């Protein structure tokens, strides 16, 4: 458990020191898979999707972090290896 706590502290320090204002396709992000239950890992954003209404979606290339985080589960990102994540599972790297 100590190794996990150390890695998490390192990632949190990165967040505090080098926070980007916008999330863009191609950015590296910190992702917690399995609905935030797994250890944080670096991943690359392939797509940013906003679900406006049920059954419709909009692809986005760039969005402010404040907008991206504003509504729980409104945004989804596609990640490599067929992973995807809700906005609450993603933080800037």
PDB file of N, CA and C in Angstrom:
ATOM      1  N   UNK A   1       0.815  -1.198   0.000  1.00  0.00           N
ATOM      2  CA  UNK A   1       0.000   0.000   0.000  1.00  0.00           C
ATOM      3  C   UNK A   1       0.858   1.261   0.000  1.00  0.00           C
ATOM      4  N   UNK A   2       2.023   1.197   0.620  1.00  0.00           N
ATOM      5  CA  UNK A   2       2.904   2.354   0.695  1.00  0.00           C
ATOM      6  C   UNK A   2       3.335   2.807  -0.697  1.00  0.00           C
ATOM      7  N   UNK A   3       3.605   1.867  -1.606  1.00  0.00           N
ATOM      8  CA  UNK A   3       4.005   2.210  -2.968  1.00  0.00           C
ATOM      9  C   UNK A   3       2.879   2.968  -3.678  1.00  0.00           C
ATOM     10  N   UNK A   4       1.648   2.506  -3.515  1.00  0.00           N
ATOM     11  CA  UNK A   4       0.492   3.175  -4.115  1.00  0.00           C
ATOM     12  C   UNK A   4       0.354   4.600  -3.580  1.00  0.00           C
ATOM     13  N   UNK A   5       0.488   4.763  -2.263  1.00  0.00           N
ATOM     14  CA  UNK A   5       0.368   6.094  -1.659  1.00  0.00           C
ATOM     15  C   UNK A   5       1.458   7.027  -2.169  1.00  0.00           C
ATOM     16  N   UNK A   6       2.657   6.508  -2.352  1.00  0.00           N
ATOM     17  CA  UNK A   6       3.759   7.309  -2.864  1.00  0.00           C
ATOM     18  C   UNK A   6       3.485   7.762  -4.294  1.00  0.00           C
ATOM     19  N   UNK A   7       2.999   6.835  -5.131  1.00  0.00           N
ATOM     20  CA  UNK A   7       2.686   7.186  -6.512  1.00  0.00           C
ATOM     21  C   UNK A   7       1.541   8.196  -6.570  1.00  0.00           C
ATOM     22  N   UNK A   8       0.535   8.000  -5.741  1.00  0.00           N
ATOM     23  CA  UNK A   8      -0.580   8.936  -5.704  1.00  0.00           C
ATOM     24  C   UNK A   8      -0.121  10.326  -5.271  1.00  0.00           C
ATOM     25  N   UNK A   9       0.757  10.410  -4.266  1.00  0.00           N
ATOM     26  CA  UNK A   9       1.299  11.705  -3.836  1.00  0.00           C
ATOM     27  C   UNK A   9       2.086  12.378  -4.949  1.00  0.00           C
ATOM     28  N   UNK A  10       2.877  11.592  -5.689  1.00  0.00           N
ATOM     29  CA  UNK A  10       3.623  12.151  -6.818  1.00  0.00           C
ATOM     30  C   UNK A  10       2.682  12.717  -7.868  1.00  0.00           C
ATOM     31  N   UNK A  11       1.615  11.982  -8.175  1.00  0.00           N
ATOM     32  CA  UNK A  11       0.655  12.452  -9.172  1.00  0.00           C
ATOM     33  C   UNK A  11      -0.076  13.703  -8.687  1.00  0.00           C
ATOM     34  N   UNK A  12      -0.408  13.756  -7.432  1.00  0.00           N
ATOM     35  CA  UNK A  12      -1.082  14.941  -6.888  1.00  0.00           C
ATOM     36  C   UNK A  12      -0.163  16.163  -6.930  1.00  0.00           C
ATOM     37  N   UNK A  13       1.125  15.965  -6.682  1.00  0.00           N
ATOM     38  CA  UNK A  13       2.088  17.075  -6.785  1.00  0.00           C
ATOM     39  C   UNK A  13       2.177  17.586  -8.209  1.00  0.00           C
ATOM     40  N   UNK A  14       2.146  16.673  -9.174  1.00  0.00           N
ATOM     41  CA  UNK A  14       2.156  17.073 -10.582  1.00  0.00           C
ATOM     42  C   UNK A  14       0.932  17.935 -10.869  1.00  0.00           C
ATOM     43  N   UNK A  15      -0.218  17.526 -10.361  1.00  0.00           N
ATOM     44  CA  UNK A  15      -1.442  18.288 -10.579  1.00  0.00           C
ATOM     45  C   UNK A  15      -1.327  19.705 -10.040  1.00  0.00           C
ATOM     46  N   UNK A  16      -0.747  19.857  -8.875  1.00  0.00           N
ATOM     47  CA  UNK A  16      -0.625  21.169  -8.251  1.00  0.00           C
ATOM     48  C   UNK A  16       0.371  22.055  -8.982  1.00  0.00           C
ATOM     49  N   UNK A  17       1.454  21.473  -9.489  1.00  0.00           N
ATOM     50  CA  UNK A  17       2.546  22.253 -10.069  1.00  0.00           C
ATOM     51  C   UNK A  17       2.328  22.630 -11.524  1.00  0.00           C
ATOM     52  N   UNK A  18       1.695  21.784 -12.302  1.00  0.00           N
ATOM     53  CA  UNK A  18       1.666  21.990 -13.750  1.00  0.00           C
ATOM     54  C   UNK A  18       0.252  21.811 -14.299  1.00  0.00           C
ATOM     55  N   UNK A  19      -0.668  22.590 -13.828  1.00  0.00           N
ATOM     56  CA  UNK A  19      -2.060  22.459 -14.231  1.00  0.00           C
ATOM     57  C   UNK A  19      -2.297  23.203 -15.550  1.00  0.00           C
ATOM     58  N   UNK A  20      -2.770  22.493 -16.555  1.00  0.00           N
ATOM     59  CA  UNK A  20      -3.152  23.093 -17.828  1.00  0.00           C
ATOM     60  C   UNK A  20      -4.576  23.622 -17.745  1.00  0.00           C
ATOM     61  N   UNK A  21      -4.849  24.679 -18.475  1.00  0.00           N
ATOM     62  CA  UNK A  21      -6.190  25.261 -18.465  1.00  0.00           C
ATOM     63  C   UNK A  21      -7.159  24.481 -19.350  1.00  0.00           C
ATOM     64  N   UNK A  22      -6.664  23.847 -20.421  1.00  0.00           N
ATOM     65  CA  UNK A  22      -7.516  23.145 -21.374  1.00  0.00           C
ATOM     66  C   UNK A  22      -7.132  21.681 -21.500  1.00  0.00           C
ATOM     67  N   UNK A  23      -8.132  20.859 -21.799  1.00  0.00           N
ATOM     68  CA  UNK A  23      -7.927  19.461 -22.161  1.00  0.00           C
ATOM     69  C   UNK A  23      -8.084  19.375 -23.672  1.00  0.00           C
ATOM     70  N   UNK A  24      -7.125  18.726 -24.336  1.00  0.00           N
ATOM     71  CA  UNK A  24      -7.164  18.582 -25.788  1.00  0.00           C
ATOM     72  C   UNK A  24      -6.953  17.131 -26.175  1.00  0.00           C
ATOM     73  N   UNK A  25      -7.494  16.755 -27.342  1.00  0.00           N
ATOM     74  CA  UNK A  25      -7.220  15.435 -27.893  1.00  0.00           C
ATOM     75  C   UNK A  25      -5.707  15.311 -28.065  1.00  0.00           C
ATOM     76  N   UNK A  26      -5.150  14.196 -27.617  1.00  0.00           N
ATOM     77  CA  UNK A  26      -3.708  13.974 -27.689  1.00  0.00           C
ATOM     78  C   UNK A  26      -2.990  14.236 -26.369  1.00  0.00           C
ATOM     79  N   UNK A  27      -3.664  14.906 -25.421  1.00  0.00           N
ATOM     80  CA  UNK A  27      -3.060  15.186 -24.115  1.00  0.00           C
ATOM     81  C   UNK A  27      -2.887  13.910 -23.302  1.00  0.00           C
ATOM     82  N   UNK A  28      -1.847  13.898 -22.482  1.00  0.00           N
ATOM     83  CA  UNK A  28      -1.708  12.846 -21.486  1.00  0.00           C
ATOM     84  C   UNK A  28      -2.487  13.273 -20.248  1.00  0.00           C
ATOM     85  N   UNK A  29      -3.210  12.315 -19.672  1.00  0.00           N
ATOM     86  CA  UNK A  29      -4.029  12.581 -18.489  1.00  0.00           C
ATOM     87  C   UNK A  29      -3.788  11.482 -17.455  1.00  0.00           C
ATOM     88  N   UNK A  30      -4.196  11.761 -16.240  1.00  0.00           N
ATOM     89  CA  UNK A  30      -4.170  10.759 -15.189  1.00  0.00           C
ATOM     90  C   UNK A  30      -5.562  10.135 -15.154  1.00  0.00           C
ATOM     91  N   UNK A  31      -5.598   8.824 -15.301  1.00  0.00           N
ATOM     92  CA  UNK A  31      -6.860   8.094 -15.405  1.00  0.00           C
ATOM     93  C   UNK A  31      -6.962   7.046 -14.309  1.00  0.00           C
ATOM     94  N   UNK A  32      -8.115   6.997 -13.668  1.00  0.00           N
ATOM     95  CA  UNK A  32      -8.390   5.950 -12.670  1.00  0.00           C
ATOM     96  C   UNK A  32      -9.469   5.053 -13.253  1.00  0.00           C
ATOM     97  N   UNK A  33      -9.063   3.867 -13.698  1.00  0.00           N
ATOM     98  CA  UNK A  33      -9.951   2.915 -14.356  1.00  0.00           C
ATOM     99  C   UNK A  33     -10.887   2.250 -13.346  1.00  0.00           C
ATOM    100  N   UNK A  34     -11.848   1.525 -13.833  1.00  0.00           N
ATOM    101  CA  UNK A  34     -12.801   0.758 -13.024  1.00  0.00           C
ATOM    102  C   UNK A  34     -13.560   1.672 -12.058  1.00  0.00           C
ATOM    103  N   UNK A  35     -14.089   2.762 -12.625  1.00  0.00           N
ATOM    104  CA  UNK A  35     -14.905   3.702 -11.866  1.00  0.00           C
ATOM    105  C   UNK A  35     -14.191   4.235 -10.631  1.00  0.00           C
ATOM    106  N   UNK A  36     -12.940   4.629 -10.853  1.00  0.00           N
ATOM    107  CA  UNK A  36     -12.107   5.281  -9.832  1.00  0.00           C
ATOM    108  C   UNK A  36     -11.608   4.337  -8.739  1.00  0.00           C
ATOM    109  N   UNK A  37     -11.648   3.031  -8.965  1.00  0.00           N
ATOM    110  CA  UNK A  37     -11.223   2.098  -7.928  1.00  0.00           C
ATOM    111  C   UNK A  37      -9.797   1.600  -8.124  1.00  0.00           C
ATOM    112  N   UNK A  38      -9.229   1.758  -9.328  1.00  0.00           N
ATOM    113  CA  UNK A  38      -7.867   1.302  -9.583  1.00  0.00           C
ATOM    114  C   UNK A  38      -6.863   2.433  -9.384  1.00  0.00           C
ATOM    115  N   UNK A  39      -5.593   2.043  -9.319  1.00  0.00           N
ATOM    116  CA  UNK A  39      -4.517   3.027  -9.153  1.00  0.00           C
ATOM    117  C   UNK A  39      -4.480   3.971 -10.346  1.00  0.00           C
ATOM    118  N   UNK A  40      -4.106   5.229 -10.123  1.00  0.00           N
ATOM    119  CA  UNK A  40      -4.020   6.184 -11.229  1.00  0.00           C
ATOM    120  C   UNK A  40      -2.893   5.821 -12.191  1.00  0.00           C
ATOM    121  N   UNK A  41      -3.155   6.027 -13.491  1.00  0.00           N
ATOM    122  CA  UNK A  41      -2.164   5.739 -14.537  1.00  0.00           C
ATOM    123  C   UNK A  41      -2.208   6.851 -15.574  1.00  0.00           C
ATOM    124  N   UNK A  42      -1.074   7.062 -16.233  1.00  0.00           N
ATOM    125  CA  UNK A  42      -1.035   8.013 -17.342  1.00  0.00           C
ATOM    126  C   UNK A  42      -1.652   7.374 -18.573  1.00  0.00           C
ATOM    127  N   UNK A  43      -2.428   8.152 -19.310  1.00  0.00           N
ATOM    128  CA  UNK A  43      -3.041   7.686 -20.539  1.00  0.00           C
ATOM    129  C   UNK A  43      -3.172   8.858 -21.492  1.00  0.00           C
ATOM    130  N   UNK A  44      -3.395   8.569 -22.759  1.00  0.00           N
ATOM    131  CA  UNK A  44      -3.503   9.598 -23.782  1.00  0.00           C
ATOM    132  C   UNK A  44      -4.948   9.700 -24.267  1.00  0.00           C
ATOM    133  N   UNK A  45      -5.460  10.929 -24.399  1.00  0.00           N
ATOM    134  CA  UNK A  45      -6.835  11.151 -24.846  1.00  0.00           C
ATOM    135  C   UNK A  45      -6.912  10.998 -26.363  1.00  0.00           C
ATOM    136  N   UNK A  46      -7.777  10.082 -26.824  1.00  0.00           N
ATOM    137  CA  UNK A  46      -7.995   9.890 -28.257  1.00  0.00           C
ATOM    138  C   UNK A  46      -9.195  10.682 -28.767  1.00  0.00           C
ATOM    139  N   UNK A  47     -10.233  10.781 -27.934  1.00  0.00           N
ATOM    140  CA  UNK A  47     -11.452  11.531 -28.281  1.00  0.00           C
ATOM    141  C   UNK A  47     -12.033  12.125 -27.000  1.00  0.00           C
ATOM    142  N   UNK A  48     -12.710  13.258 -27.164  1.00  0.00           N
ATOM    143  CA  UNK A  48     -13.500  13.856 -26.081  1.00  0.00           C
ATOM    144  C   UNK A  48     -14.928  13.925 -26.605  1.00  0.00           C
ATOM    145  N   UNK A  49     -15.862  13.375 -25.847  1.00  0.00           N
ATOM    146  CA  UNK A  49     -17.245  13.293 -26.301  1.00  0.00           C
ATOM    147  C   UNK A  49     -18.159  13.927 -25.260  1.00  0.00           C
ATOM    148  N   UNK A  50     -19.042  14.792 -25.723  1.00  0.00           N
ATOM    149  CA  UNK A  50     -20.062  15.382 -24.837  1.00  0.00           C
ATOM    150  C   UNK A  50     -21.405  14.769 -25.210  1.00  0.00           C
ATOM    151  N   UNK A  51     -22.069  14.202 -24.224  1.00  0.00           N
ATOM    152  CA  UNK A  51     -23.402  13.639 -24.435  1.00  0.00           C
ATOM    153  C   UNK A  51     -24.429  14.703 -24.090  1.00  0.00           C
ATOM    154  N   UNK A  52     -24.981  15.339 -25.145  1.00  0.00           N
ATOM    155  CA  UNK A  52     -25.906  16.458 -24.952  1.00  0.00           C
ATOM    156  C   UNK A  52     -27.276  15.987 -24.477  1.00  0.00           C
ATOM    157  N   UNK A  53     -27.851  15.091 -25.197  1.00  0.00           N
ATOM    158  CA  UNK A  53     -29.138  14.493 -24.854  1.00  0.00           C
ATOM    159  C   UNK A  53     -28.988  12.991 -25.014  1.00  0.00           C
ATOM    160  N   UNK A  54     -29.891  12.258 -24.437  1.00  0.00           N
ATOM    161  CA  UNK A  54     -29.808  10.813 -24.547  1.00  0.00           C
ATOM    162  C   UNK A  54     -29.803  10.407 -26.018  1.00  0.00           C
ATOM    163  N   UNK A  55     -28.805   9.627 -26.404  1.00  0.00           N
ATOM    164  CA  UNK A  55     -28.717   9.137 -27.770  1.00  0.00           C
ATOM    165  C   UNK A  55     -27.962  10.036 -28.732  1.00  0.00           C
ATOM    166  N   UNK A  56     -27.553  11.229 -28.311  1.00  0.00           N
ATOM    167  CA  UNK A  56     -26.784  12.104 -29.193  1.00  0.00           C
ATOM    168  C   UNK A  56     -25.444  12.423 -28.533  1.00  0.00           C
ATOM    169  N   UNK A  57     -24.469  12.700 -29.356  1.00  0.00           N
ATOM    170  CA  UNK A  57     -23.161  13.041 -28.814  1.00  0.00           C
ATOM    171  C   UNK A  57     -22.479  14.049 -29.728  1.00  0.00           C
ATOM    172  N   UNK A  58     -21.462  14.716 -29.178  1.00  0.00           N
ATOM    173  CA  UNK A  58     -20.716  15.726 -29.914  1.00  0.00           C
ATOM    174  C   UNK A  58     -19.230  15.523 -29.618  1.00  0.00           C
ATOM    175  N   UNK A  59     -18.427  15.406 -30.668  1.00  0.00           N
ATOM    176  CA  UNK A  59     -16.988  15.260 -30.492  1.00  0.00           C
ATOM    177  C   UNK A  59     -16.350  16.633 -30.328  1.00  0.00           C
ATOM    178  N   UNK A  60     -15.416  16.720 -29.393  1.00  0.00           N
ATOM    179  CA  UNK A  60     -14.767  17.983 -29.056  1.00  0.00           C
ATOM    180  C   UNK A  60     -13.259  17.797 -29.166  1.00  0.00           C
ATOM    181  N   UNK A  61     -12.552  18.790 -29.709  1.00  0.00           N
ATOM    182  CA  UNK A  61     -11.095  18.724 -29.801  1.00  0.00           C
ATOM    183  C   UNK A  61     -10.400  19.399 -28.625  1.00  0.00           C
ATOM    184  N   UNK A  62     -11.061  20.408 -28.036  1.00  0.00           N
ATOM    185  CA  UNK A  62     -10.449  21.172 -26.950  1.00  0.00           C
ATOM    186  C   UNK A  62     -11.554  21.712 -26.049  1.00  0.00           C
ATOM    187  N   UNK A  63     -11.333  21.625 -24.717  1.00  0.00           N
ATOM    188  CA  UNK A  63     -12.325  22.099 -23.752  1.00  0.00           C
ATOM    189  C   UNK A  63     -11.605  22.546 -22.486  1.00  0.00           C
ATOM    190  N   UNK A  64     -12.131  23.554 -21.834  1.00  0.00           N
ATOM    191  CA  UNK A  64     -11.512  23.989 -20.579  1.00  0.00           C
ATOM    192  C   UNK A  64     -11.743  22.912 -19.522  1.00  0.00           C
ATOM    193  N   UNK A  65     -10.766  22.775 -18.634  1.00  0.00           N
ATOM    194  CA  UNK A  65     -10.903  21.784 -17.560  1.00  0.00           C
ATOM    195  C   UNK A  65     -12.108  22.105 -16.686  1.00  0.00           C
ATOM    196  N   UNK A  66     -12.391  23.381 -16.452  1.00  0.00           N
ATOM    197  CA  UNK A  66     -13.535  23.730 -15.593  1.00  0.00           C
ATOM    198  C   UNK A  66     -14.853  23.288 -16.231  1.00  0.00           C
ATOM    199  N   UNK A  67     -14.998  23.467 -17.539  1.00  0.00           N
ATOM    200  CA  UNK A  67     -16.203  23.003 -18.232  1.00  0.00           C
ATOM    201  C   UNK A  67     -16.259  21.476 -18.254  1.00  0.00           C
ATOM    202  N   UNK A  68     -15.122  20.848 -18.531  1.00  0.00           N
ATOM    203  CA  UNK A  68     -15.046  19.388 -18.597  1.00  0.00           C
ATOM    204  C   UNK A  68     -15.469  18.748 -17.275  1.00  0.00           C
ATOM    205  N   UNK A  69     -15.096  19.358 -16.165  1.00  0.00           N
ATOM    206  CA  UNK A  69     -15.387  18.807 -14.840  1.00  0.00           C
ATOM    207  C   UNK A  69     -16.730  19.267 -14.270  1.00  0.00           C
ATOM    208  N   UNK A  70     -17.422  20.203 -14.931  1.00  0.00           N
ATOM    209  CA  UNK A  70     -18.591  20.856 -14.335  1.00  0.00           C
ATOM    210  C   UNK A  70     -19.800  19.940 -14.124  1.00  0.00           C
ATOM    211  N   UNK A  71     -20.066  19.022 -15.041  1.00  0.00           N
ATOM    212  CA  UNK A  71     -21.249  18.164 -14.933  1.00  0.00           C
ATOM    213  C   UNK A  71     -20.839  16.693 -14.919  1.00  0.00           C
ATOM    214  N   UNK A  72     -21.131  16.056 -13.822  1.00  0.00           N
ATOM    215  CA  UNK A  72     -20.787  14.653 -13.603  1.00  0.00           C
ATOM    216  C   UNK A  72     -21.327  13.774 -14.738  1.00  0.00           C
ATOM    217  N   UNK A  73     -20.449  13.030 -15.385  1.00  0.00           N
ATOM    218  CA  UNK A  73     -20.771  12.074 -16.460  1.00  0.00           C
ATOM    219  C   UNK A  73     -21.290  12.713 -17.749  1.00  0.00           C
ATOM    220  N   UNK A  74     -21.153  14.030 -17.912  1.00  0.00           N
ATOM    221  CA  UNK A  74     -21.578  14.658 -19.165  1.00  0.00           C
ATOM    222  C   UNK A  74     -20.551  14.418 -20.277  1.00  0.00           C
ATOM    223  N   UNK A  75     -19.277  14.302 -19.882  1.00  0.00           N
ATOM    224  CA  UNK A  75     -18.212  14.101 -20.854  1.00  0.00           C
ATOM    225  C   UNK A  75     -17.555  12.742 -20.653  1.00  0.00           C
ATOM    226  N   UNK A  76     -17.142  12.158 -21.781  1.00  0.00           N
ATOM    227  CA  UNK A  76     -16.434  10.876 -21.787  1.00  0.00           C
ATOM    228  C   UNK A  76     -15.215  11.050 -22.674  1.00  0.00           C
ATOM    229  N   UNK A  77     -14.107  10.414 -22.304  1.00  0.00           N
ATOM    230  CA  UNK A  77     -12.934  10.402 -23.167  1.00  0.00           C
ATOM    231  C   UNK A  77     -12.632   8.969 -23.585  1.00  0.00           C
ATOM    232  N   UNK A  78     -12.230   8.829 -24.841  1.00  0.00           N
ATOM    233  CA  UNK A  78     -11.727   7.546 -25.320  1.00  0.00           C
ATOM    234  C   UNK A  78     -10.233   7.515 -25.099  1.00  0.00           C
ATOM    235  N   UNK A  79      -9.747   6.366 -24.643  1.00  0.00           N
ATOM    236  CA  UNK A  79      -8.338   6.162 -24.333  1.00  0.00           C
ATOM    237  C   UNK A  79      -7.826   4.965 -25.126  1.00  0.00           C
ATOM    238  N   UNK A  80      -6.508   4.777 -25.223  1.00  0.00           N
ATOM    239  CA  UNK A  80      -5.971   3.610 -25.936  1.00  0.00           C
ATOM    240  C   UNK A  80      -6.450   2.289 -25.318  1.00  0.00           C
ATOM    241  N   UNK A  81      -6.284   1.224 -26.071  1.00  0.00           N
ATOM    242  CA  UNK A  81      -6.629  -0.136 -25.640  1.00  0.00           C
ATOM    243  C   UNK A  81      -8.111  -0.309 -25.362  1.00  0.00           C
ATOM    244  N   UNK A  82      -8.945   0.411 -26.101  1.00  0.00           N
ATOM    245  CA  UNK A  82     -10.410   0.316 -25.992  1.00  0.00           C
ATOM    246  C   UNK A  82     -10.962   0.742 -24.645  1.00  0.00           C
ATOM    247  N   UNK A  83     -10.186   1.513 -23.871  1.00  0.00           N
ATOM    248  CA  UNK A  83     -10.687   2.054 -22.608  1.00  0.00           C
ATOM    249  C   UNK A  83     -11.437   3.351 -22.871  1.00  0.00           C
ATOM    250  N   UNK A  84     -12.336   3.680 -21.988  1.00  0.00           N
ATOM    251  CA  UNK A  84     -13.008   4.979 -21.977  1.00  0.00           C
ATOM    252  C   UNK A  84     -13.187   5.368 -20.519  1.00  0.00           C
ATOM    253  N   UNK A  85     -13.472   6.638 -20.281  1.00  0.00           N
ATOM    254  CA  UNK A  85     -13.617   7.099 -18.900  1.00  0.00           C
ATOM    255  C   UNK A  85     -14.555   8.292 -18.842  1.00  0.00           C
ATOM    256  N   UNK A  86     -15.319   8.365 -17.758  1.00  0.00           N
ATOM    257  CA  UNK A  86     -16.113   9.557 -17.483  1.00  0.00           C
ATOM    258  C   UNK A  86     -15.183  10.687 -17.046  1.00  0.00           C
ATOM    259  N   UNK A  87     -15.690  11.912 -17.127  1.00  0.00           N
ATOM    260  CA  UNK A  87     -14.879  13.083 -16.773  1.00  0.00           C
ATOM    261  C   UNK A  87     -14.374  13.051 -15.332  1.00  0.00           C
ATOM    262  N   UNK A  88     -15.119  12.472 -14.405  1.00  0.00           N
ATOM    263  CA  UNK A  88     -14.668  12.451 -13.010  1.00  0.00           C
ATOM    264  C   UNK A  88     -13.503  11.488 -12.777  1.00  0.00           C
ATOM    265  N   UNK A  89     -13.199  10.633 -13.766  1.00  0.00           N
ATOM    266  CA  UNK A  89     -12.087   9.698 -13.647  1.00  0.00           C
ATOM    267  C   UNK A  89     -10.789  10.255 -14.236  1.00  0.00           C
ATOM    268  N   UNK A  90     -10.830  11.455 -14.780  1.00  0.00           N
ATOM    269  CA  UNK A  90      -9.710  12.052 -15.516  1.00  0.00           C
ATOM    270  C   UNK A  90      -9.235  13.306 -14.819  1.00  0.00           C
ATOM    271  N   UNK A  91      -7.901  13.439 -14.709  1.00  0.00           N
ATOM    272  CA  UNK A  91      -7.273  14.654 -14.175  1.00  0.00           C
ATOM    273  C   UNK A  91      -6.105  15.024 -15.071  1.00  0.00           C
ATOM    274  N   UNK A  92      -5.703  16.304 -15.049  1.00  0.00           N
ATOM    275  CA  UNK A  92      -4.553  16.715 -15.870  1.00  0.00           C
ATOM    276  C   UNK A  92      -3.272  16.015 -15.427  1.00  0.00           C
ATOM    277  N   UNK A  93      -2.410  15.755 -16.389  1.00  0.00           N
ATOM    278  CA  UNK A  93      -1.107  15.140 -16.069  1.00  0.00           C
ATOM    279  C   UNK A  93      -0.040  16.206 -16.054  1.00  0.00           C
TER     280      UNK A  93
END
